[in-house]
Each structure stands twice: as C-alpha cells, then as structure tokens.
Amino acid sequence: MGKPRQGSRYLYEPFDAASARIEAHERVTDERWLALERRLTMIEKSLERLEKRVWLAVYGAASLIAADVALSIFRVG
C-alpha cells in the first residue's frame, strides 16, 4: 500500500497527555496511601505497647499500695 512507517510509533499515534498525567497521579496517590497505611499501622502497634506499659505501671503502683496496707494491718493486729 504505502511506504512502511519508520521511527517511533509515538510519532504517528495520538498521545493523550491529560490521561497520562491522571494515571501517573493515581499511581503516586496509591503509593502515598500505602505508605500512610504502613505508618499508621506502626503507630497503632507503638500505642498498644505503650498502653500495656502504662497498665503495668498502674497495676504495679496498686500492688505496692495494697502491700503497704496489708503490712500496716499486720503490724496493728
């Protein structure tokens, strides 16, 4: 039919720059979302560990108070 085309196919096919930008933006947004989810998961795990430590301190203080009360009862009695 005609002369075969030589060179890049992008010279002959239409290119939709707006669509390419939107797709690139979606990929970047997805990666940022995944990174945010990973960070939030790490923060949640850290908060759980901190909560366990706080409750351990609370129970430790309560047990010291209970031991002091028990000792004072035994000394009086």
C-alpha atoms as a PDB file:
ATOM      1  CA  MET A   1       0.000   0.000   0.000  1.00  0.00           C
ATOM      2  CA  GLY A   2       2.119   2.843   1.078  1.00  0.00           C
ATOM      3  CA  LYS A   3       5.587   3.321   2.278  1.00  0.00           C
ATOM      4  CA  PRO A   4       6.155   1.470   5.589  1.00  0.00           C
ATOM      5  CA  ARG A   5       6.486   3.749   8.562  1.00  0.00           C
ATOM      6  CA  GLN A   6       9.839   4.016  10.204  1.00  0.00           C
ATOM      7  CA  GLY A   7      10.698   5.502  13.542  1.00  0.00           C
ATOM      8  CA  SER A   8       8.795   5.691  16.769  1.00  0.00           C
ATOM      9  CA  ARG A   9       5.169   4.707  16.879  1.00  0.00           C
ATOM     10  CA  TYR A  10       4.576   7.704  19.137  1.00  0.00           C
ATOM     11  CA  LEU A  11       5.160   9.983  16.182  1.00  0.00           C
ATOM     12  CA  TYR A  12       2.105   8.544  14.453  1.00  0.00           C
ATOM     13  CA  GLU A  13      -0.265   7.590  17.273  1.00  0.00           C
ATOM     14  CA  PRO A  14      -2.147  10.266  19.191  1.00  0.00           C
ATOM     15  CA  PHE A  15      -0.966  10.828  22.740  1.00  0.00           C
ATOM     16  CA  ASP A  16      -3.327  11.967  25.454  1.00  0.00           C
ATOM     17  CA  ALA A  17      -1.157  13.904  27.897  1.00  0.00           C
ATOM     18  CA  ALA A  18      -4.004  14.651  30.293  1.00  0.00           C
ATOM     19  CA  SER A  19      -4.845  10.979  30.645  1.00  0.00           C
ATOM     20  CA  ALA A  20      -1.194  10.110  31.206  1.00  0.00           C
ATOM     21  CA  ARG A  21      -0.934  12.759  33.913  1.00  0.00           C
ATOM     22  CA  ILE A  22      -4.054  11.473  35.636  1.00  0.00           C
ATOM     23  CA  GLU A  23      -2.783   7.883  35.560  1.00  0.00           C
ATOM     24  CA  ALA A  24       0.599   8.955  36.939  1.00  0.00           C
ATOM     25  CA  HIS A  25      -1.129  10.959  39.661  1.00  0.00           C
ATOM     26  CA  GLU A  26      -3.266   7.939  40.582  1.00  0.00           C
ATOM     27  CA  ARG A  27      -0.183   5.732  40.855  1.00  0.00           C
ATOM     28  CA  VAL A  28       1.582   8.290  43.052  1.00  0.00           C
ATOM     29  CA  THR A  29      -1.516   8.679  45.201  1.00  0.00           C
ATOM     30  CA  ASP A  30      -1.799   4.898  45.632  1.00  0.00           C
ATOM     31  CA  GLU A  31       1.829   4.663  46.733  1.00  0.00           C
ATOM     32  CA  ARG A  32       1.392   7.517  49.189  1.00  0.00           C
ATOM     33  CA  TRP A  33      -1.738   5.884  50.570  1.00  0.00           C
ATOM     34  CA  LEU A  34       0.111   2.598  51.100  1.00  0.00           C
ATOM     35  CA  ALA A  35       2.939   4.409  52.868  1.00  0.00           C
ATOM     36  CA  LEU A  36       0.432   6.217  55.084  1.00  0.00           C
ATOM     37  CA  GLU A  37      -1.260   2.928  55.970  1.00  0.00           C
ATOM     38  CA  ARG A  38       2.110   1.380  56.876  1.00  0.00           C
ATOM     39  CA  ARG A  39       2.947   4.337  59.109  1.00  0.00           C
ATOM     40  CA  LEU A  40      -0.464   4.233  60.791  1.00  0.00           C
ATOM     41  CA  THR A  41      -0.039   0.518  61.448  1.00  0.00           C
ATOM     42  CA  MET A  42       3.332   1.169  63.063  1.00  0.00           C
ATOM     43  CA  ILE A  43       1.853   3.966  65.190  1.00  0.00           C
ATOM     44  CA  GLU A  44      -1.017   1.707  66.300  1.00  0.00           C
ATOM     45  CA  LYS A  45       1.427  -1.020  67.345  1.00  0.00           C
ATOM     46  CA  SER A  46       3.505   1.512  69.265  1.00  0.00           C
ATOM     47  CA  LEU A  47       0.401   2.816  71.033  1.00  0.00           C
ATOM     48  CA  GLU A  48      -0.612  -0.722  72.001  1.00  0.00           C
ATOM     49  CA  ARG A  49       2.835  -1.352  73.508  1.00  0.00           C
ATOM     50  CA  LEU A  50       2.676   1.966  75.351  1.00  0.00           C
ATOM     51  CA  GLU A  51      -0.783   1.128  76.695  1.00  0.00           C
ATOM     52  CA  LYS A  52       0.489  -2.205  78.023  1.00  0.00           C
ATOM     53  CA  ARG A  53       3.359  -0.428  79.775  1.00  0.00           C
ATOM     54  CA  VAL A  54       1.034   2.136  81.332  1.00  0.00           C
ATOM     55  CA  TRP A  55      -1.288  -0.574  82.653  1.00  0.00           C
ATOM     56  CA  LEU A  56       1.727  -2.469  84.020  1.00  0.00           C
ATOM     57  CA  ALA A  57       2.793   0.683  85.879  1.00  0.00           C
ATOM     58  CA  VAL A  58      -0.753   1.218  87.196  1.00  0.00           C
ATOM     59  CA  TYR A  59      -1.013  -2.370  88.442  1.00  0.00           C
ATOM     60  CA  GLY A  60       2.470  -2.100  89.953  1.00  0.00           C
ATOM     61  CA  ALA A  61       1.531   1.036  91.867  1.00  0.00           C
ATOM     62  CA  ALA A  62      -1.756  -0.537  93.006  1.00  0.00           C
ATOM     63  CA  SER A  63       0.070  -3.639  94.224  1.00  0.00           C
ATOM     64  CA  LEU A  64       2.568  -1.506  96.178  1.00  0.00           C
ATOM     65  CA  ILE A  65      -0.295   0.370  97.831  1.00  0.00           C
ATOM     66  CA  ALA A  66      -2.071  -2.919  98.615  1.00  0.00           C
ATOM     67  CA  ALA A  67       1.142  -4.371 100.079  1.00  0.00           C
ATOM     68  CA  ASP A  68       1.628  -1.261 102.245  1.00  0.00           C
ATOM     69  CA  VAL A  69      -1.969  -1.509 103.505  1.00  0.00           C
ATOM     70  CA  ALA A  70      -1.528  -5.230 104.246  1.00  0.00           C
ATOM     71  CA  LEU A  71       1.701  -4.586 106.180  1.00  0.00           C
ATOM     72  CA  SER A  72       0.076  -1.842 108.222  1.00  0.00           C
ATOM     73  CA  ILE A  73      -2.848  -4.162 109.045  1.00  0.00           C
ATOM     74  CA  PHE A  74      -0.479  -6.931 110.189  1.00  0.00           C
ATOM     75  CA  ARG A  75       1.547  -4.531 112.330  1.00  0.00           C
ATOM     76  CA  VAL A  76      -1.557  -3.172 114.076  1.00  0.00           C
ATOM     77  CA  GLY A  77      -3.132  -6.606 114.555  1.00  0.00           C
END
